[in-house]
Amino acid sequence: MAFGLKATQYKRVDVVEVSGRIDSSTAPQLEAAIQKIIDEGRYRLVVDLKQTDYMSSAAFRVLISAHKQVHKGTRRGEICLSGVSPKLMETFKLGGFDDLFKFYDNQVGAVGSF
C-alpha cells in the first residue's frame, strides 16, 4: 500500500490519518504535518493508524517528539492513537511506548475522548 496522509482540523481536535508504510522516507511527511498543527497552537491530536501496516523507528521518533511537544510547559495537549493493529501494538509494547499514548479502537472513540 502506498503511503498516504490526510490531516483534518475539527473544533476540538486535529486528526491525522496515515496509510501505508511509515519509514525513513515517509516519516518526514508525517512529522511536517504534525509539526504544522503544533506550530499553529493546537495540541490535541488523533493519529489514525487504521490503514498503516508498518512503522519504522523513524515513525516512532516522530510520534515521541510530538508527544513531548504537546506536553511541554503549560500545554495540556494529548496525542491519541486510533486503529492500531495488533501487530503494531506489539511493537509499541516491545518498545515501551504503550504508556506514552492513549489508544482507541477507532477514530470516533479517540475524537470523542477530547
N, C-alpha and C. Protein backbone atom coordinates (compact mmCIF):
# COMPACT_ATOMS: atom_id res chain seq x y z
N MET A 1 0.84 -1.18 0.00
CA MET A 1 0.00 0.00 0.00
C MET A 1 0.89 1.24 0.00
N ALA A 2 0.58 2.19 -0.85
CA ALA A 2 1.35 3.43 -0.94
C ALA A 2 1.07 4.31 0.27
N PHE A 3 2.07 5.09 0.63
CA PHE A 3 1.94 5.99 1.77
C PHE A 3 0.93 7.09 1.45
N GLY A 4 0.09 7.39 2.43
CA GLY A 4 -0.88 8.47 2.28
C GLY A 4 -1.04 9.19 3.60
N LEU A 5 -1.42 10.45 3.52
CA LEU A 5 -1.55 11.27 4.72
C LEU A 5 -2.67 12.28 4.49
N LYS A 6 -3.54 12.39 5.49
CA LYS A 6 -4.64 13.35 5.41
C LYS A 6 -4.82 13.96 6.79
N ALA A 7 -4.76 15.28 6.87
CA ALA A 7 -4.95 15.99 8.14
C ALA A 7 -6.26 16.77 8.07
N THR A 8 -7.06 16.63 9.14
CA THR A 8 -8.35 17.31 9.22
C THR A 8 -8.45 18.04 10.55
N GLN A 9 -8.83 19.30 10.49
CA GLN A 9 -8.99 20.09 11.71
C GLN A 9 -10.47 20.13 12.09
N TYR A 10 -10.74 19.74 13.33
CA TYR A 10 -12.08 19.84 13.88
C TYR A 10 -12.06 20.91 14.97
N LYS A 11 -13.19 21.17 15.57
CA LYS A 11 -13.29 22.23 16.57
C LYS A 11 -12.36 22.00 17.76
N ARG A 12 -12.34 20.77 18.27
CA ARG A 12 -11.58 20.49 19.50
C ARG A 12 -10.33 19.65 19.29
N VAL A 13 -10.14 19.11 18.09
CA VAL A 13 -9.05 18.17 17.87
C VAL A 13 -8.67 18.14 16.40
N ASP A 14 -7.43 17.79 16.13
CA ASP A 14 -6.97 17.56 14.76
C ASP A 14 -6.76 16.06 14.57
N VAL A 15 -7.12 15.58 13.40
CA VAL A 15 -6.97 14.16 13.08
C VAL A 15 -5.99 14.03 11.92
N VAL A 16 -5.00 13.17 12.10
CA VAL A 16 -4.05 12.87 11.04
C VAL A 16 -4.23 11.39 10.71
N GLU A 17 -4.71 11.12 9.49
CA GLU A 17 -4.91 9.74 9.04
C GLU A 17 -3.71 9.34 8.19
N VAL A 18 -3.13 8.20 8.53
CA VAL A 18 -1.94 7.73 7.83
C VAL A 18 -2.24 6.36 7.23
N SER A 19 -1.81 6.16 6.00
CA SER A 19 -1.97 4.84 5.38
C SER A 19 -0.64 4.39 4.78
N GLY A 20 -0.48 3.09 4.68
CA GLY A 20 0.74 2.53 4.10
C GLY A 20 1.86 2.38 5.12
N ARG A 21 3.07 2.49 4.63
CA ARG A 21 4.26 2.32 5.46
C ARG A 21 4.81 3.67 5.91
N ILE A 22 5.16 3.73 7.19
CA ILE A 22 5.85 4.93 7.69
C ILE A 22 7.28 4.49 7.98
N ASP A 23 8.19 4.91 7.11
CA ASP A 23 9.59 4.55 7.27
C ASP A 23 10.45 5.80 7.13
N SER A 24 11.74 5.63 6.98
CA SER A 24 12.64 6.79 6.96
C SER A 24 12.37 7.72 5.77
N SER A 25 11.77 7.21 4.71
CA SER A 25 11.49 8.08 3.57
C SER A 25 10.15 8.80 3.68
N THR A 26 9.21 8.26 4.47
CA THR A 26 7.89 8.89 4.60
C THR A 26 7.67 9.57 5.95
N ALA A 27 8.46 9.22 6.94
CA ALA A 27 8.30 9.83 8.28
C ALA A 27 8.43 11.36 8.26
N PRO A 28 9.31 11.94 7.42
CA PRO A 28 9.38 13.41 7.39
C PRO A 28 8.06 14.06 6.98
N GLN A 29 7.28 13.41 6.14
CA GLN A 29 5.98 13.95 5.74
C GLN A 29 5.01 13.96 6.93
N LEU A 30 5.03 12.86 7.70
CA LEU A 30 4.20 12.78 8.90
C LEU A 30 4.65 13.83 9.90
N GLU A 31 5.94 13.97 10.08
CA GLU A 31 6.49 14.95 11.01
C GLU A 31 6.08 16.37 10.62
N ALA A 32 6.15 16.69 9.33
CA ALA A 32 5.78 18.02 8.86
C ALA A 32 4.30 18.31 9.11
N ALA A 33 3.45 17.32 8.88
CA ALA A 33 2.01 17.51 9.09
C ALA A 33 1.70 17.75 10.57
N ILE A 34 2.30 16.95 11.44
CA ILE A 34 2.07 17.10 12.88
C ILE A 34 2.68 18.41 13.38
N GLN A 35 3.88 18.73 12.90
CA GLN A 35 4.55 19.96 13.34
C GLN A 35 3.75 21.19 12.94
N LYS A 36 3.15 21.18 11.78
CA LYS A 36 2.33 22.31 11.32
C LYS A 36 1.16 22.54 12.28
N ILE A 37 0.54 21.47 12.72
CA ILE A 37 -0.59 21.56 13.65
C ILE A 37 -0.11 22.15 14.98
N ILE A 38 1.00 21.64 15.49
CA ILE A 38 1.54 22.12 16.77
C ILE A 38 1.97 23.58 16.67
N ASP A 39 2.62 23.93 15.55
CA ASP A 39 3.07 25.31 15.36
C ASP A 39 1.91 26.29 15.31
N GLU A 40 0.73 25.81 14.92
CA GLU A 40 -0.46 26.66 14.86
C GLU A 40 -1.16 26.73 16.22
N GLY A 41 -0.55 26.13 17.25
CA GLY A 41 -1.08 26.24 18.60
C GLY A 41 -2.17 25.25 18.95
N ARG A 42 -2.24 24.16 18.22
CA ARG A 42 -3.23 23.13 18.52
C ARG A 42 -2.47 21.90 19.02
N TYR A 43 -2.86 21.46 20.21
CA TYR A 43 -2.09 20.42 20.89
C TYR A 43 -2.88 19.15 21.17
N ARG A 44 -4.07 19.03 20.61
CA ARG A 44 -4.86 17.81 20.78
C ARG A 44 -4.96 17.13 19.43
N LEU A 45 -4.33 15.96 19.33
CA LEU A 45 -4.24 15.26 18.06
C LEU A 45 -4.66 13.81 18.19
N VAL A 46 -5.27 13.34 17.13
CA VAL A 46 -5.53 11.91 16.97
C VAL A 46 -4.76 11.48 15.73
N VAL A 47 -3.93 10.47 15.88
CA VAL A 47 -3.23 9.89 14.74
C VAL A 47 -3.90 8.55 14.47
N ASP A 48 -4.58 8.49 13.34
CA ASP A 48 -5.32 7.28 12.97
C ASP A 48 -4.41 6.38 12.14
N LEU A 49 -4.09 5.22 12.70
CA LEU A 49 -3.18 4.27 12.06
C LEU A 49 -3.91 3.04 11.53
N LYS A 50 -5.21 3.17 11.32
CA LYS A 50 -6.02 2.03 10.88
C LYS A 50 -5.49 1.43 9.59
N GLN A 51 -5.01 2.26 8.68
CA GLN A 51 -4.54 1.76 7.39
C GLN A 51 -3.01 1.73 7.29
N THR A 52 -2.36 1.78 8.44
CA THR A 52 -0.90 1.73 8.46
C THR A 52 -0.46 0.31 8.72
N ASP A 53 0.41 -0.20 7.86
CA ASP A 53 0.82 -1.60 8.01
C ASP A 53 2.25 -1.76 8.51
N TYR A 54 3.00 -0.67 8.59
CA TYR A 54 4.39 -0.78 9.05
C TYR A 54 4.84 0.57 9.59
N MET A 55 5.57 0.54 10.70
CA MET A 55 6.19 1.73 11.26
C MET A 55 7.64 1.43 11.61
N SER A 56 8.55 2.22 11.09
CA SER A 56 9.96 2.05 11.43
C SER A 56 10.28 2.88 12.66
N SER A 57 11.52 2.82 13.09
CA SER A 57 11.94 3.61 14.24
C SER A 57 11.79 5.10 13.95
N ALA A 58 11.90 5.50 12.69
CA ALA A 58 11.72 6.91 12.33
C ALA A 58 10.30 7.37 12.65
N ALA A 59 9.33 6.52 12.42
CA ALA A 59 7.93 6.85 12.73
C ALA A 59 7.73 7.00 14.23
N PHE A 60 8.34 6.11 14.99
CA PHE A 60 8.23 6.20 16.45
C PHE A 60 8.88 7.48 16.97
N ARG A 61 10.00 7.87 16.37
CA ARG A 61 10.67 9.12 16.78
C ARG A 61 9.75 10.32 16.53
N VAL A 62 9.04 10.32 15.41
CA VAL A 62 8.12 11.42 15.11
C VAL A 62 7.03 11.50 16.17
N LEU A 63 6.43 10.36 16.50
CA LEU A 63 5.34 10.35 17.48
C LEU A 63 5.82 10.74 18.87
N ILE A 64 6.99 10.26 19.26
CA ILE A 64 7.53 10.57 20.59
C ILE A 64 7.90 12.05 20.66
N SER A 65 8.49 12.58 19.62
CA SER A 65 8.82 14.01 19.58
C SER A 65 7.56 14.86 19.69
N ALA A 66 6.53 14.49 18.96
CA ALA A 66 5.26 15.22 19.03
C ALA A 66 4.66 15.13 20.43
N HIS A 67 4.75 13.94 21.02
CA HIS A 67 4.23 13.75 22.39
C HIS A 67 4.92 14.72 23.36
N LYS A 68 6.23 14.82 23.24
CA LYS A 68 6.98 15.73 24.11
C LYS A 68 6.56 17.18 23.89
N GLN A 69 6.35 17.56 22.64
CA GLN A 69 5.98 18.94 22.33
C GLN A 69 4.61 19.32 22.88
N VAL A 70 3.65 18.42 22.78
CA VAL A 70 2.29 18.78 23.24
C VAL A 70 2.18 18.75 24.76
N HIS A 71 3.17 18.17 25.43
CA HIS A 71 3.17 18.16 26.89
C HIS A 71 4.16 19.17 27.48
N LYS A 72 4.83 19.93 26.65
CA LYS A 72 5.87 20.86 27.07
C LYS A 72 5.28 22.04 27.83
N GLY A 73 5.89 22.39 28.94
CA GLY A 73 5.48 23.57 29.70
C GLY A 73 4.05 23.48 30.20
N THR A 74 3.28 24.51 29.92
CA THR A 74 1.90 24.57 30.41
C THR A 74 0.90 24.01 29.41
N ARG A 75 1.37 23.49 28.30
CA ARG A 75 0.46 22.92 27.31
C ARG A 75 -0.26 21.71 27.91
N ARG A 76 -1.49 21.60 27.63
CA ARG A 76 -2.27 20.48 28.14
C ARG A 76 -2.76 19.62 26.98
N GLY A 77 -1.86 19.35 26.07
CA GLY A 77 -2.21 18.59 24.89
C GLY A 77 -2.13 17.09 25.10
N GLU A 78 -2.54 16.39 24.08
CA GLU A 78 -2.52 14.93 24.12
C GLU A 78 -2.47 14.41 22.70
N ILE A 79 -1.78 13.30 22.54
CA ILE A 79 -1.79 12.59 21.26
C ILE A 79 -2.40 11.23 21.53
N CYS A 80 -3.49 10.96 20.84
CA CYS A 80 -4.15 9.66 20.93
C CYS A 80 -3.94 8.92 19.62
N LEU A 81 -3.82 7.63 19.72
CA LEU A 81 -3.67 6.80 18.53
C LEU A 81 -4.90 5.93 18.37
N SER A 82 -5.39 5.83 17.16
CA SER A 82 -6.57 5.01 16.91
C SER A 82 -6.29 3.99 15.81
N GLY A 83 -7.03 2.90 15.87
CA GLY A 83 -6.96 1.88 14.83
C GLY A 83 -5.63 1.15 14.75
N VAL A 84 -4.91 1.06 15.84
CA VAL A 84 -3.59 0.41 15.83
C VAL A 84 -3.80 -1.10 15.73
N SER A 85 -3.19 -1.70 14.72
CA SER A 85 -3.32 -3.14 14.52
C SER A 85 -2.62 -3.90 15.64
N PRO A 86 -3.02 -5.15 15.87
CA PRO A 86 -2.33 -5.95 16.90
C PRO A 86 -0.83 -6.05 16.66
N LYS A 87 -0.44 -6.14 15.40
CA LYS A 87 1.00 -6.23 15.07
C LYS A 87 1.74 -4.96 15.47
N LEU A 88 1.16 -3.79 15.15
CA LEU A 88 1.79 -2.53 15.54
C LEU A 88 1.75 -2.34 17.05
N MET A 89 0.66 -2.75 17.68
CA MET A 89 0.54 -2.62 19.14
C MET A 89 1.63 -3.41 19.84
N GLU A 90 1.94 -4.56 19.29
CA GLU A 90 3.02 -5.38 19.85
C GLU A 90 4.34 -4.62 19.79
N THR A 91 4.56 -3.90 18.70
CA THR A 91 5.78 -3.11 18.56
C THR A 91 5.80 -1.96 19.57
N PHE A 92 4.66 -1.31 19.77
CA PHE A 92 4.58 -0.25 20.79
C PHE A 92 4.93 -0.82 22.16
N LYS A 93 4.40 -1.99 22.47
CA LYS A 93 4.66 -2.61 23.77
C LYS A 93 6.11 -3.02 23.92
N LEU A 94 6.68 -3.61 22.87
CA LEU A 94 8.08 -4.04 22.93
C LEU A 94 9.02 -2.85 23.16
N GLY A 95 8.68 -1.72 22.55
CA GLY A 95 9.50 -0.52 22.71
C GLY A 95 9.22 0.24 23.99
N GLY A 96 8.18 -0.17 24.72
CA GLY A 96 7.81 0.53 25.95
C GLY A 96 7.08 1.84 25.70
N PHE A 97 6.54 2.00 24.47
CA PHE A 97 5.86 3.24 24.12
C PHE A 97 4.36 3.19 24.38
N ASP A 98 3.86 2.06 24.81
CA ASP A 98 2.42 1.93 25.03
C ASP A 98 1.94 2.75 26.22
N ASP A 99 2.85 3.17 27.10
CA ASP A 99 2.47 4.01 28.24
C ASP A 99 2.43 5.49 27.89
N LEU A 100 3.02 5.87 26.75
CA LEU A 100 3.07 7.28 26.37
C LEU A 100 1.77 7.78 25.74
N PHE A 101 1.05 6.89 25.10
CA PHE A 101 -0.11 7.29 24.31
C PHE A 101 -1.38 6.62 24.81
N LYS A 102 -2.51 7.26 24.53
CA LYS A 102 -3.81 6.63 24.75
C LYS A 102 -4.21 5.98 23.43
N PHE A 103 -4.69 4.77 23.52
CA PHE A 103 -5.06 4.01 22.34
C PHE A 103 -6.57 3.80 22.29
N TYR A 104 -7.13 3.93 21.10
CA TYR A 104 -8.56 3.73 20.88
C TYR A 104 -8.75 2.81 19.69
N ASP A 105 -9.82 2.04 19.74
CA ASP A 105 -10.11 1.10 18.66
C ASP A 105 -10.40 1.80 17.34
N ASN A 106 -11.05 2.96 17.44
CA ASN A 106 -11.41 3.66 16.21
C ASN A 106 -11.28 5.17 16.39
N GLN A 107 -11.35 5.87 15.28
CA GLN A 107 -11.19 7.31 15.26
C GLN A 107 -12.29 8.03 16.03
N VAL A 108 -13.52 7.52 15.93
CA VAL A 108 -14.64 8.15 16.62
C VAL A 108 -14.42 8.15 18.14
N GLY A 109 -13.96 7.04 18.68
CA GLY A 109 -13.69 6.95 20.11
C GLY A 109 -12.57 7.89 20.53
N ALA A 110 -11.54 7.98 19.70
CA ALA A 110 -10.40 8.86 20.01
C ALA A 110 -10.82 10.32 19.98
N VAL A 111 -11.55 10.72 18.95
CA VAL A 111 -12.00 12.10 18.84
C VAL A 111 -12.95 12.43 19.99
N GLY A 112 -13.82 11.49 20.34
CA GLY A 112 -14.76 11.68 21.42
C GLY A 112 -14.11 11.82 22.78
N SER A 113 -12.88 11.38 22.93
CA SER A 113 -12.19 11.46 24.22
C SER A 113 -11.79 12.89 24.57
N PHE A 114 -11.83 13.78 23.60
CA PHE A 114 -11.47 15.18 23.85
C PHE A 114 -12.71 15.91 24.20
